[in-house]
């Protein structure tokens, strides 16, 4: 594939079949230096002049570890939101650098401690059992709607003790926010998606802030109560911080497990020998199977960084203010790190993968929760429904950010 035919900033590239996109990234990885892609300006959005695409594993790792040079501020998404968004909604932790990022991470890390996650296991097992019960009762139609989309939101709502009568609304608002991620097909659609996204985020924030006030007055031992009461350092989340974290947890925490689960059933279907190997010793293979799924899928495809000072990266002289985009999906298929990278192999060494983000301060806080959900759900599915498999090809979300499956037919 000719480099001149590749434009990562153009919507048409992300319409291409996955195989063509993988081939394009493989071609970019062969080049001596990262390539610059010019962006079109979209009215009302802070689209930049363009970005350098970091597609090699080593480059993504270097930028991830060096957060002082490769800054998450003002935003990691593409395009960057207007400045007023932060005033209305507050700032998300993913869009911060230390020391502000470190403070928030200190507060919320308590939510993902080994003790907290161990306490969730019974609830996760019960949720998985109910989901499979419903699949058996209703019959298989759409794996995403019936399985992959249900578990992560259910677990998060349980963690925060969201009242049952509010949970359907939570699902609806998360789906709206997911549709907003990634490329923008037109000005009219951009404005429509932005408006819907703002209303959804406002509704989620109002919901959790109201619950936060209630739990501050009467703590219940749930995650919201934990976040609005002071930690040993006397730190707690403000209303806006709680609202921003709730939105991040629902969208990011949901998408990682949901996307991996939805792509995962297809991977196991298309690779029967790997599935047979997994089932020959489920406990011995499931952990590495999940890591290989995450590597293969790369549920979040990219994050943007802003260069804070002149810096030399693999011979490329970056200037202060330049933008780089870390393409995790490409890094996870770097031939120099993962031999035969397009092959799904549950026995490979997956330790260097960047499917949960690169090493450094922004490594995914909920990675272990996602692993726990995936491990439990696949155990329930594959043992109770040994014939479960995907049917046909998945319908993918058109996005350059979220490797989301909109629907996947299946049977058992």
Protein backbone atom coordinates (compact mmCIF):
# COMPACT_ATOMS: atom_id res chain seq x y z
CA UNK A 1 0.00 0.00 0.00
CA UNK A 2 1.35 3.42 -0.99
CA UNK A 3 1.80 5.86 1.89
CA UNK A 4 0.23 8.59 -0.26
CA UNK A 5 -3.05 6.64 -0.15
CA UNK A 6 -3.14 6.66 3.67
CA UNK A 7 -4.83 9.52 5.55
CA UNK A 8 -5.54 8.75 9.20
CA UNK A 9 -7.26 12.13 9.58
CA UNK A 10 -9.86 11.39 6.91
CA UNK A 11 -13.19 9.70 7.61
CA UNK A 12 -12.85 7.59 4.47
CA UNK A 13 -9.85 5.77 5.93
CA UNK A 14 -11.95 4.55 8.88
CA UNK A 15 -14.61 3.27 6.49
CA UNK A 16 -12.10 0.84 5.00
CA UNK A 17 -12.28 -2.86 5.95
CA UNK A 18 -10.20 -3.79 8.99
CA UNK A 19 -7.76 -5.80 6.88
CA UNK A 20 -6.95 -2.74 4.75
CA UNK A 21 -6.49 -0.56 7.82
CA UNK A 22 -4.13 -3.07 9.39
CA UNK A 23 -2.12 -3.16 6.16
CA UNK A 24 -1.94 0.64 6.15
CA UNK A 25 -0.60 0.76 9.69
CA UNK A 26 1.91 -1.97 8.87
CA UNK A 27 3.17 0.20 6.00
CA UNK A 28 3.45 3.24 8.30
CA UNK A 29 5.44 1.20 10.84
CA UNK A 30 8.03 0.48 8.15
CA UNK A 31 8.83 4.18 7.67
CA UNK A 32 11.86 5.82 9.22
CA UNK A 33 9.89 8.59 10.96
CA UNK A 34 6.32 9.14 12.15
CA UNK A 35 4.11 10.71 9.47
CA UNK A 36 2.27 14.02 9.84
CA UNK A 37 -1.43 14.10 8.92
CA UNK A 38 -3.20 17.38 8.31
CA UNK A 39 -6.66 17.80 9.78
CA UNK A 40 -9.64 19.58 8.33
CA UNK A 41 -11.12 22.26 10.52
CA UNK A 42 -14.62 21.53 11.82
CA UNK A 43 -16.62 24.60 12.95
CA UNK A 44 -17.41 24.77 16.68
CA UNK A 45 -14.70 22.21 17.46
CA UNK A 46 -11.06 22.82 18.33
CA UNK A 47 -9.58 20.80 15.49
CA UNK A 48 -5.85 21.32 15.28
CA UNK A 49 -3.62 21.74 12.28
CA UNK A 50 -2.75 18.07 12.39
CA UNK A 51 -0.77 15.42 14.22
CA UNK A 52 2.15 13.03 13.98
CA UNK A 53 0.99 9.40 14.07
CA UNK A 54 2.91 7.24 16.56
CA UNK A 55 2.34 3.74 15.21
CA UNK A 56 5.34 1.75 16.48
CA UNK A 57 5.17 0.05 19.86
CA UNK A 58 8.41 1.68 21.05
CA UNK A 59 7.16 5.17 20.17
CA UNK A 60 3.82 4.70 21.95
CA UNK A 61 5.60 3.37 25.05
CA UNK A 62 8.13 6.23 25.05
CA UNK A 63 5.41 8.88 24.80
CA UNK A 64 3.27 7.15 27.44
CA UNK A 65 6.10 7.01 29.96
CA UNK A 66 7.18 10.62 29.38
CA UNK A 67 4.04 12.47 30.45
CA UNK A 68 5.98 15.69 31.14
CA UNK A 69 6.80 16.05 27.45
CA UNK A 70 3.73 14.32 25.99
CA UNK A 71 0.94 16.07 27.86
CA UNK A 72 -2.68 14.96 28.18
CA UNK A 73 -3.73 18.59 28.43
CA UNK A 74 -5.82 20.19 27.05
CA UNK A 75 -7.48 16.95 25.88
CA UNK A 76 -6.68 13.44 24.71
CA UNK A 77 -9.61 13.09 22.31
CA UNK A 78 -9.78 14.14 18.70
CA UNK A 79 -11.08 16.71 18.00
CA UNK A 80 -10.42 18.57 21.22
CA UNK A 81 -13.57 19.91 22.90
CA UNK A 82 -14.10 23.68 23.13
CA UNK A 83 -12.80 25.34 26.30
CA UNK A 84 -16.30 26.06 27.64
CA UNK A 85 -16.99 22.31 27.96
CA UNK A 86 -14.62 22.11 30.93
CA UNK A 87 -16.40 25.03 32.59
CA UNK A 88 -19.76 23.27 32.29
CA UNK A 89 -18.82 19.66 32.94
CA UNK A 90 -15.53 19.91 34.80
CA UNK A 91 -12.35 18.20 33.65
CA UNK A 92 -11.97 14.50 33.11
CA UNK A 93 -8.99 12.84 34.78
CA UNK A 94 -7.74 11.57 31.41
CA UNK A 95 -7.28 15.19 30.28
CA UNK A 96 -5.02 16.15 33.19
CA UNK A 97 -1.33 16.02 34.02
CA UNK A 98 0.27 15.78 37.43
CA UNK A 99 -0.12 17.08 40.06
CA UNK A 100 -3.88 17.45 39.38
CA UNK A 101 -4.09 14.02 37.78
CA UNK A 102 -2.14 12.42 40.65
CA UNK A 103 -4.50 13.93 43.24
CA UNK A 104 -7.63 12.58 41.54
CA UNK A 105 -6.05 9.20 40.88
CA UNK A 106 -5.10 8.95 44.57
CA UNK A 107 -8.74 9.46 45.56
CA UNK A 108 -10.33 7.07 43.07
CA UNK A 109 -7.65 4.35 43.28
CA UNK A 110 -9.36 3.15 46.46
CA UNK A 111 -12.28 2.11 44.26
CA UNK A 112 -10.14 -0.44 42.41
CA UNK A 113 -8.10 -1.95 45.21
CA UNK A 114 -7.70 -5.76 45.28
CA UNK A 115 -9.94 -5.86 48.33
CA UNK A 116 -12.72 -3.89 46.62
CA UNK A 117 -12.51 -6.02 43.48
CA UNK A 118 -12.53 -9.27 45.47
CA UNK A 119 -15.70 -8.06 47.18
CA UNK A 120 -17.34 -7.60 43.77
CA UNK A 121 -16.71 -11.14 42.54
CA UNK A 122 -19.94 -12.60 43.92
CA UNK A 123 -22.00 -9.82 42.34
CA UNK A 124 -20.22 -10.25 38.98
CA UNK A 125 -20.84 -14.00 39.02
CA UNK A 126 -24.52 -13.45 39.82
CA UNK A 127 -24.85 -10.87 37.04
CA UNK A 128 -23.22 -13.21 34.51
CA UNK A 129 -25.54 -16.04 35.53
CA UNK A 130 -28.62 -13.81 35.09
CA UNK A 131 -27.41 -12.63 31.67
CA UNK A 132 -26.90 -16.20 30.44
CA UNK A 133 -30.27 -17.20 31.94
CA UNK A 134 -31.90 -14.46 29.87
CA UNK A 135 -30.07 -15.57 26.71
CA UNK A 136 -31.35 -19.12 27.21
CA UNK A 137 -34.88 -17.85 27.87
CA UNK A 138 -35.06 -15.27 25.06
CA UNK A 139 -32.92 -17.02 22.48
CA UNK A 140 -29.76 -15.66 20.81
CA UNK A 141 -30.18 -12.54 18.67
CA UNK A 142 -27.56 -9.83 19.26
CA UNK A 143 -24.54 -10.68 21.41
CA UNK A 144 -23.79 -7.00 22.06
CA UNK A 145 -27.23 -6.07 23.35
CA UNK A 146 -27.89 -9.32 25.21
CA UNK A 147 -24.42 -9.92 26.71
CA UNK A 148 -21.51 -7.55 26.07
CA UNK A 149 -23.36 -4.28 26.72
CA UNK A 150 -25.15 -5.52 29.81
CA UNK A 151 -22.41 -6.74 32.13
CA UNK A 152 -20.06 -3.71 32.44
CA UNK A 153 -22.88 -1.21 33.05
CA UNK A 154 -24.50 -3.59 35.52
CA UNK A 155 -21.25 -3.94 37.48
CA UNK A 156 -20.60 -0.19 37.52
CA UNK A 157 -24.14 0.55 38.66
CA UNK A 158 -23.72 -2.04 41.42
CA UNK A 159 -20.42 -0.48 42.48
CA UNK A 160 -22.06 2.92 42.78
CA UNK A 161 -25.36 1.52 44.14
CA UNK A 162 -27.37 3.29 41.43
CA UNK A 163 -31.08 2.78 42.19
CA UNK A 164 -32.76 0.25 39.89
CA UNK A 165 -35.26 2.80 38.57
CA UNK A 166 -32.40 4.94 37.20
CA UNK A 167 -30.40 2.20 35.46
CA UNK A 168 -32.27 2.15 32.16
CA UNK A 169 -31.57 5.88 31.81
CA UNK A 170 -27.89 5.25 32.53
CA UNK A 171 -27.78 2.74 29.66
CA UNK A 172 -29.42 5.22 27.29
CA UNK A 173 -27.06 8.09 28.20
CA UNK A 174 -23.96 5.88 27.79
CA UNK A 175 -25.09 4.76 24.33
CA UNK A 176 -25.49 8.41 23.29
CA UNK A 177 -22.02 9.29 24.58
CA UNK A 178 -20.48 6.34 22.73
CA UNK A 179 -22.01 7.48 19.43
CA UNK A 180 -20.24 10.85 19.86
CA UNK A 181 -16.70 9.45 19.96
CA UNK A 182 -14.42 9.44 16.98
CA UNK A 183 -14.72 10.96 13.53
CA UNK A 184 -17.32 13.54 12.50
CA UNK A 185 -19.12 12.85 9.20
CA UNK A 186 -20.52 16.37 8.66
CA UNK A 187 -21.10 19.72 10.35
CA UNK A 188 -24.81 19.04 10.81
CA UNK A 189 -24.17 15.60 12.29
CA UNK A 190 -21.36 16.98 14.46
CA UNK A 191 -23.71 19.57 15.95
CA UNK A 192 -26.45 16.98 16.47
CA UNK A 193 -24.10 14.50 18.17
CA UNK A 194 -22.53 17.24 20.30
CA UNK A 195 -25.93 18.40 21.50
CA UNK A 196 -27.08 14.89 22.34
CA UNK A 197 -23.81 14.16 24.09
CA UNK A 198 -24.01 17.31 26.23
CA UNK A 199 -27.56 16.50 27.33
CA UNK A 200 -26.56 12.93 28.18
CA UNK A 201 -23.51 14.04 30.19
CA UNK A 202 -25.52 16.69 32.02
CA UNK A 203 -28.14 14.12 32.96
CA UNK A 204 -25.49 11.70 34.23
CA UNK A 205 -23.77 14.44 36.22
CA UNK A 206 -26.99 15.66 37.82
CA UNK A 207 -27.87 12.10 38.75
CA UNK A 208 -24.58 11.26 40.45
CA UNK A 209 -24.17 14.66 42.15
CA UNK A 210 -27.63 14.27 43.71
CA UNK A 211 -26.69 10.79 44.89
CA UNK A 212 -23.35 12.14 46.14
CA UNK A 213 -25.10 14.66 48.37
CA UNK A 214 -27.34 11.91 49.75
CA UNK A 215 -24.42 9.55 50.41
CA UNK A 216 -22.28 12.28 52.02
CA UNK A 217 -25.06 12.76 54.57
CA UNK A 218 -25.71 9.02 54.91
CA UNK A 219 -22.79 6.87 53.63
CA UNK A 220 -23.76 3.38 52.47
CA UNK A 221 -20.40 1.75 51.83
CA UNK A 222 -20.74 2.02 48.05
CA UNK A 223 -18.33 3.66 45.61
CA UNK A 224 -20.09 7.04 45.62
CA UNK A 225 -19.96 7.13 49.42
CA UNK A 226 -16.26 6.29 49.26
CA UNK A 227 -15.52 9.11 46.82
CA UNK A 228 -17.44 11.87 48.63
CA UNK A 229 -15.94 11.10 52.04
CA UNK A 230 -12.34 12.01 52.77
CA UNK A 231 -9.48 9.55 52.28
CA UNK A 232 -6.67 9.30 54.86
CA UNK A 233 -5.11 12.44 53.35
CA UNK A 234 -8.33 14.38 53.83
CA UNK A 235 -9.05 14.43 50.07
CA UNK A 236 -12.44 13.85 48.46
CA UNK A 237 -14.10 14.61 45.14
CA UNK A 238 -15.99 17.85 44.55
CA UNK A 239 -19.37 17.78 42.83
CA UNK A 240 -17.87 18.47 39.39
CA UNK A 241 -15.07 15.96 39.93
CA UNK A 242 -17.58 13.30 40.95
CA UNK A 243 -19.67 14.04 37.87
CA UNK A 244 -16.67 13.88 35.54
CA UNK A 245 -15.42 10.65 37.10
CA UNK A 246 -18.86 9.06 36.83
CA UNK A 247 -19.02 9.89 33.11
CA UNK A 248 -15.48 8.57 32.58
CA UNK A 249 -16.21 5.36 34.49
CA UNK A 250 -19.42 4.71 32.58
CA UNK A 251 -17.99 5.38 29.13
CA UNK A 252 -14.36 4.21 29.43
CA UNK A 253 -15.05 1.47 31.99
CA UNK A 254 -17.92 0.19 29.91
CA UNK A 255 -16.28 0.30 26.50
CA UNK A 256 -13.09 -1.60 27.36
CA UNK A 257 -14.88 -4.71 28.62
CA UNK A 258 -17.79 -4.43 26.19
CA UNK A 259 -15.63 -4.11 23.08
CA UNK A 260 -13.26 -6.90 24.11
CA UNK A 261 -16.17 -9.21 24.92
CA UNK A 262 -17.95 -8.54 21.64
CA UNK A 263 -14.83 -8.98 19.51
CA UNK A 264 -13.76 -11.88 21.73
CA UNK A 265 -16.70 -14.15 20.87
CA UNK A 266 -15.87 -13.63 17.19
CA UNK A 267 -12.19 -14.43 17.78
CA UNK A 268 -13.07 -17.68 19.55
CA UNK A 269 -15.48 -18.57 16.74
CA UNK A 270 -12.96 -17.89 13.98
CA UNK A 271 -10.16 -19.72 15.81
CA UNK A 272 -11.62 -23.07 16.93
CA UNK A 273 -8.22 -24.57 17.75
CA UNK A 274 -7.52 -21.72 20.18
CA UNK A 275 -10.95 -22.15 21.73
CA UNK A 276 -10.34 -25.88 22.15
CA UNK A 277 -6.99 -25.14 23.79
CA UNK A 278 -8.65 -22.67 26.17
CA UNK A 279 -11.34 -25.17 27.18
CA UNK A 280 -8.76 -27.93 27.70
CA UNK A 281 -7.51 -25.98 30.74
CA UNK A 282 -9.72 -22.95 31.28
CA UNK A 283 -8.10 -21.78 34.51
CA UNK A 284 -4.62 -22.24 33.04
CA UNK A 285 -5.31 -20.31 29.84
CA UNK A 286 -8.05 -17.77 30.50
CA UNK A 287 -5.85 -14.96 31.86
CA UNK A 288 -3.54 -14.97 28.85
CA UNK A 289 -6.53 -15.41 26.54
CA UNK A 290 -7.98 -12.17 27.85
CA UNK A 291 -4.68 -10.34 27.37
CA UNK A 292 -4.45 -11.66 23.80
CA UNK A 293 -8.03 -10.54 23.14
CA UNK A 294 -7.25 -7.05 24.43
CA UNK A 295 -4.09 -6.92 22.31
CA UNK A 296 -5.88 -8.11 19.23
CA UNK A 297 -8.91 -5.84 19.72
CA UNK A 298 -7.34 -2.65 21.17
CA UNK A 299 -10.75 -1.51 22.51
CA UNK A 300 -9.68 2.16 22.60
CA UNK A 301 -7.73 2.77 19.40
CA UNK A 302 -5.91 6.03 20.12
CA UNK A 303 -5.26 8.96 22.43
CA UNK A 304 -3.76 12.34 21.60
CA UNK A 305 -0.91 14.10 23.38
CA UNK A 306 0.44 17.68 23.17
CA UNK A 307 4.21 18.19 23.10
CA UNK A 308 5.29 20.57 25.87
CA UNK A 309 8.88 21.17 24.72
CA UNK A 310 11.15 20.49 21.77
CA UNK A 311 11.88 16.77 21.70
CA UNK A 312 13.61 14.28 19.42
CA UNK A 313 11.66 11.07 18.83
CA UNK A 314 13.33 8.50 16.59
CA UNK A 315 15.05 11.26 14.66
CA UNK A 316 11.86 13.33 14.32
CA UNK A 317 12.33 16.81 15.78
CA UNK A 318 9.07 17.66 17.52
CA UNK A 319 8.36 21.26 18.49
CA UNK A 320 6.52 22.63 21.51
CA UNK A 321 2.81 22.64 20.74
CA UNK A 322 2.93 19.80 18.22
CA UNK A 323 0.29 17.10 18.50
CA UNK A 324 0.96 13.39 18.41
CA UNK A 325 -1.57 10.57 18.37
CA UNK A 326 -0.76 7.26 20.04
CA UNK A 327 -2.30 4.50 17.91
CA UNK A 328 -2.62 1.59 20.35
CA UNK A 329 -4.06 -0.78 17.75
CA UNK A 330 -1.01 -0.32 15.54
CA UNK A 331 1.43 -0.66 18.45
CA UNK A 332 -0.29 -3.92 19.42
CA UNK A 333 0.45 -5.32 15.95
CA UNK A 334 4.07 -4.20 15.77
CA UNK A 335 5.93 -7.13 14.22
CA UNK A 336 9.09 -6.34 16.17
CA UNK A 337 7.26 -7.05 19.43
CA UNK A 338 4.49 -9.48 18.43
CA UNK A 339 5.58 -11.99 15.74
CA UNK A 340 2.79 -12.84 13.30
CA UNK A 341 0.68 -10.11 14.96
CA UNK A 342 -2.57 -10.71 13.07
CA UNK A 343 -2.79 -14.26 14.40
CA UNK A 344 -4.89 -14.84 17.53
CA UNK A 345 -2.60 -16.93 19.75
CA UNK A 346 -3.51 -17.40 23.41
CA UNK A 347 -0.06 -18.81 24.19
CA UNK A 348 1.95 -15.76 23.02
CA UNK A 349 3.76 -13.41 25.40
CA UNK A 350 1.24 -10.59 25.73
CA UNK A 351 2.91 -8.68 28.54
CA UNK A 352 4.06 -5.71 26.44
CA UNK A 353 0.62 -4.97 24.90
CA UNK A 354 -0.81 -1.46 25.24
CA UNK A 355 -4.51 -2.36 25.00
CA UNK A 356 -5.08 -0.74 28.40
CA UNK A 357 -2.93 2.24 27.44
CA UNK A 358 0.83 2.53 27.53
CA UNK A 359 2.91 2.33 30.72
CA UNK A 360 2.94 5.49 32.80
CA UNK A 361 0.59 7.61 34.89
CA UNK A 362 -2.40 7.15 32.56
CA UNK A 363 -2.44 3.35 32.47
CA UNK A 364 -6.10 2.26 32.66
CA UNK A 365 -7.25 2.42 36.27
CA UNK A 366 -10.02 -0.12 35.65
CA UNK A 367 -7.90 -2.71 33.82
CA UNK A 368 -8.20 -5.31 36.57
CA UNK A 369 -11.96 -4.80 36.83
CA UNK A 370 -12.30 -5.33 33.06
CA UNK A 371 -10.18 -8.49 33.29
CA UNK A 372 -12.36 -9.75 36.13
CA UNK A 373 -15.57 -9.15 34.16
CA UNK A 374 -14.21 -10.81 31.02
CA UNK A 375 -12.86 -13.82 32.90
CA UNK A 376 -16.15 -14.39 34.72
CA UNK A 377 -18.41 -13.89 31.71
CA UNK A 378 -16.45 -16.16 29.39
CA UNK A 379 -16.39 -18.86 32.07
CA UNK A 380 -20.18 -18.64 32.41
CA UNK A 381 -20.80 -18.54 28.65
CA UNK A 382 -18.40 -21.26 27.55
CA UNK A 383 -19.27 -23.74 30.30
CA UNK A 384 -23.06 -23.32 30.22
CA UNK A 385 -23.38 -22.79 26.46
CA UNK A 386 -20.51 -24.82 24.95
CA UNK A 387 -21.89 -24.26 21.45
CA UNK A 388 -22.02 -20.47 21.68
CA UNK A 389 -20.50 -18.80 18.64
CA UNK A 390 -20.72 -15.68 16.51
CA UNK A 391 -22.70 -15.79 13.27
CA UNK A 392 -21.57 -13.69 10.32
CA UNK A 393 -19.60 -10.48 10.53
CA UNK A 394 -20.00 -7.81 13.24
CA UNK A 395 -21.46 -4.37 12.55
CA UNK A 396 -18.76 -1.93 13.69
CA UNK A 397 -19.15 1.64 14.89
CA UNK A 398 -17.66 4.14 12.44
CA UNK A 399 -15.01 5.67 14.67
CA UNK A 400 -11.29 6.39 14.82
CA UNK A 401 -11.35 6.21 18.60
CA UNK A 402 -13.62 3.47 19.90
CA UNK A 403 -13.28 -0.04 18.45
CA UNK A 404 -16.90 -0.74 19.22
CA UNK A 405 -19.17 -3.48 17.87
CA UNK A 406 -22.70 -2.19 17.32
CA UNK A 407 -24.17 -5.64 16.84
CA UNK A 408 -23.04 -9.25 16.43
CA UNK A 409 -25.42 -12.11 15.60
CA UNK A 410 -24.74 -15.31 17.53
CA UNK A 411 -26.16 -18.72 18.32
CA UNK A 412 -25.62 -21.63 20.69
